[in-house]
Amino acid sequence: MQASKAAAKRQLKSLKRALKTAKSRAGATTPTTTTLRTFSATAGISDGAAAPNELPQSSGANCSWSSWYTTSNYAYVWPTAGTWWEIYCYGDGFYGTHLSQWWHFYYWTPATGTVYYGTWRKPHNQNCMWWWDVYNLAEYGPYFC
């Protein structure tokens, strides 16, 4: 179990590096600045807030959890002004009707508990990544093609 967590974390770090350096294809969009500001304010934590001790309820059984960590990057990529507790679930298998890798992202605050806010996915038959954004009910991408 620990090995799969480490592998998922390495893959996500690789995704972050790739997305920071790669230009998205023509026509690809990203979550708006307003979305990032709103999310940052909603999910923000105060100094000294303790790490949550709960795991979210995943929508799939084929899931490997990261540890809780603090971050300021929405979806592990887009920087914001806030900081929050975050955890992700890595999965590999069927995502809908396609074989894919995916990372479900959740944030936590004392007021809201754990909240799902989006998913990175990479279909096995493509080299591109896609971001499903809960706040906009929209998919963004392709990235890293």
Protein backbone atom coordinates (compact mmCIF):
# COMPACT_ATOMS: atom_id res chain seq x y z
CA MET A 1 0.00 0.00 0.00
CA GLN A 2 2.80 2.43 0.91
CA ALA A 3 4.57 1.74 -2.42
CA SER A 4 1.43 2.63 -4.39
CA LYS A 5 1.06 5.88 -2.40
CA ALA A 6 4.66 6.80 -3.17
CA ALA A 7 4.17 5.98 -6.87
CA ALA A 8 0.98 8.08 -7.03
CA LYS A 9 2.77 11.00 -5.36
CA ARG A 10 5.68 10.75 -7.85
CA GLN A 11 3.24 10.70 -10.76
CA LEU A 12 1.40 13.74 -9.44
CA LYS A 13 4.66 15.66 -8.94
CA SER A 14 5.60 14.76 -12.50
CA LEU A 15 2.21 16.06 -13.65
CA LYS A 16 2.77 19.32 -11.79
CA ARG A 17 6.20 19.83 -13.38
CA ALA A 18 4.84 19.01 -16.82
CA LEU A 19 1.90 21.38 -16.48
CA LYS A 20 4.09 24.21 -15.27
CA THR A 21 6.44 23.88 -18.23
CA ALA A 22 4.17 22.68 -21.03
CA LYS A 23 1.89 25.03 -22.89
CA SER A 24 -1.68 23.84 -23.19
CA ARG A 25 -2.97 23.16 -26.67
CA ALA A 26 -4.72 25.91 -28.58
CA GLY A 27 -8.24 26.35 -27.32
CA ALA A 28 -7.62 24.85 -23.88
CA THR A 29 -8.82 26.95 -20.99
CA THR A 30 -8.15 27.00 -17.28
CA PRO A 31 -10.30 27.72 -14.23
CA THR A 32 -10.95 31.45 -14.02
CA THR A 33 -9.17 33.82 -11.67
CA THR A 34 -12.51 34.38 -9.92
CA THR A 35 -12.82 30.62 -9.31
CA LEU A 36 -9.32 30.50 -7.84
CA ARG A 37 -9.96 33.51 -5.57
CA THR A 38 -13.31 32.14 -4.40
CA PHE A 39 -11.86 28.69 -3.75
CA SER A 40 -8.87 30.14 -1.92
CA ALA A 41 -11.15 32.13 0.41
CA THR A 42 -13.58 29.23 0.94
CA ALA A 43 -11.03 26.52 1.61
CA GLY A 44 -8.50 28.70 3.45
CA ILE A 45 -7.25 27.64 6.86
CA SER A 46 -6.13 29.73 9.78
CA ASP A 47 -2.60 29.52 11.15
CA GLY A 48 -2.12 26.53 13.37
CA ALA A 49 -5.15 24.57 12.15
CA ALA A 50 -4.56 20.91 12.89
CA ALA A 51 -4.52 18.30 10.14
CA PRO A 52 -7.80 16.49 9.61
CA ASN A 53 -8.03 12.90 10.85
CA GLU A 54 -10.66 11.71 8.40
CA LEU A 55 -10.48 10.21 4.92
CA PRO A 56 -13.08 11.30 2.38
CA GLN A 57 -15.57 8.82 1.01
CA SER A 58 -14.24 7.94 -2.42
CA SER A 59 -16.50 7.28 -5.35
CA GLY A 60 -14.39 4.28 -6.35
CA ALA A 61 -12.95 1.30 -4.53
CA ASN A 62 -9.75 1.34 -6.61
CA CYS A 63 -8.17 4.25 -4.76
CA SER A 64 -4.84 4.93 -3.05
CA TRP A 65 -4.84 7.91 -0.65
CA SER A 66 -2.08 10.45 -0.20
CA SER A 67 -1.45 11.93 3.23
CA TRP A 68 -3.05 15.26 4.17
CA TYR A 69 -0.81 18.21 3.23
CA THR A 70 -1.15 22.00 3.12
CA THR A 71 -1.07 23.68 -0.25
CA SER A 72 -1.75 26.95 -2.02
CA ASN A 73 -2.09 25.43 -5.50
CA TYR A 74 -5.56 24.71 -6.85
CA ALA A 75 -5.61 21.21 -8.37
CA TYR A 76 -1.89 20.89 -7.51
CA VAL A 77 -1.08 23.34 -10.32
CA TRP A 78 -2.65 26.82 -10.27
CA PRO A 79 -1.29 29.10 -7.51
CA THR A 80 -3.66 31.03 -5.22
CA ALA A 81 -3.28 33.42 -2.30
CA GLY A 82 -4.79 31.01 0.26
CA THR A 83 -3.62 27.85 1.99
CA TRP A 84 -5.71 24.78 2.83
CA TRP A 85 -5.51 21.13 3.82
CA GLU A 86 -5.71 18.84 0.83
CA ILE A 87 -5.68 15.12 0.07
CA TYR A 88 -5.98 13.21 -3.18
CA CYS A 89 -6.98 9.73 -4.17
CA TYR A 90 -5.07 8.05 -7.01
CA GLY A 91 -6.75 5.40 -9.10
CA ASP A 92 -5.98 3.35 -12.17
CA GLY A 93 -8.62 1.38 -14.04
CA PHE A 94 -11.98 2.17 -15.59
CA TYR A 95 -13.01 5.82 -15.29
CA GLY A 96 -16.41 5.89 -16.90
CA THR A 97 -16.01 3.71 -19.98
CA HIS A 98 -12.26 4.24 -20.54
CA LEU A 99 -9.15 2.84 -18.91
CA SER A 100 -7.52 5.82 -17.18
CA GLN A 101 -5.41 7.09 -14.34
CA TRP A 102 -7.08 9.68 -12.10
CA TRP A 103 -6.48 11.87 -9.08
CA HIS A 104 -9.57 13.00 -7.12
CA PHE A 105 -8.84 16.16 -5.06
CA TYR A 106 -10.45 17.08 -1.73
CA TYR A 107 -9.95 19.98 0.66
CA TRP A 108 -10.81 20.19 4.36
CA THR A 109 -11.83 22.97 6.76
CA PRO A 110 -13.29 22.70 10.26
CA ALA A 111 -16.50 24.33 8.99
CA THR A 112 -17.07 22.16 5.91
CA GLY A 113 -15.28 18.91 6.64
CA THR A 114 -13.91 17.17 3.57
CA VAL A 115 -15.11 18.48 0.19
CA TYR A 116 -14.41 17.03 -3.27
CA TYR A 117 -13.42 19.74 -5.75
CA GLY A 118 -12.17 18.06 -8.93
CA THR A 119 -10.31 15.34 -10.78
CA TRP A 120 -7.26 15.09 -13.01
CA ARG A 121 -7.58 12.20 -15.42
CA LYS A 122 -5.36 10.67 -18.08
CA PRO A 123 -6.95 8.10 -20.39
CA HIS A 124 -4.59 5.22 -21.20
CA ASN A 125 -5.15 5.69 -24.94
CA GLN A 126 -4.06 9.38 -24.86
CA ASN A 127 -1.04 11.35 -23.75
CA CYS A 128 -3.18 14.25 -22.58
CA MET A 129 -4.44 15.20 -19.12
CA TRP A 130 -7.87 16.70 -18.36
CA TRP A 131 -9.13 18.59 -15.30
CA TRP A 132 -12.78 18.22 -14.17
CA ASP A 133 -13.64 21.30 -12.12
CA VAL A 134 -16.57 20.92 -9.72
CA TYR A 135 -17.09 24.66 -9.18
CA ASN A 136 -17.55 25.37 -12.87
CA LEU A 137 -19.02 21.98 -13.75
CA ALA A 138 -16.59 21.98 -16.64
CA GLU A 139 -13.68 20.00 -17.99
CA TYR A 140 -10.48 21.81 -18.94
CA GLY A 141 -7.74 20.61 -21.22
CA PRO A 142 -6.11 19.03 -22.90
CA TYR A 143 -2.84 19.59 -21.00
CA PHE A 144 0.53 17.94 -21.30
CA CYS A 145 0.01 16.44 -24.76
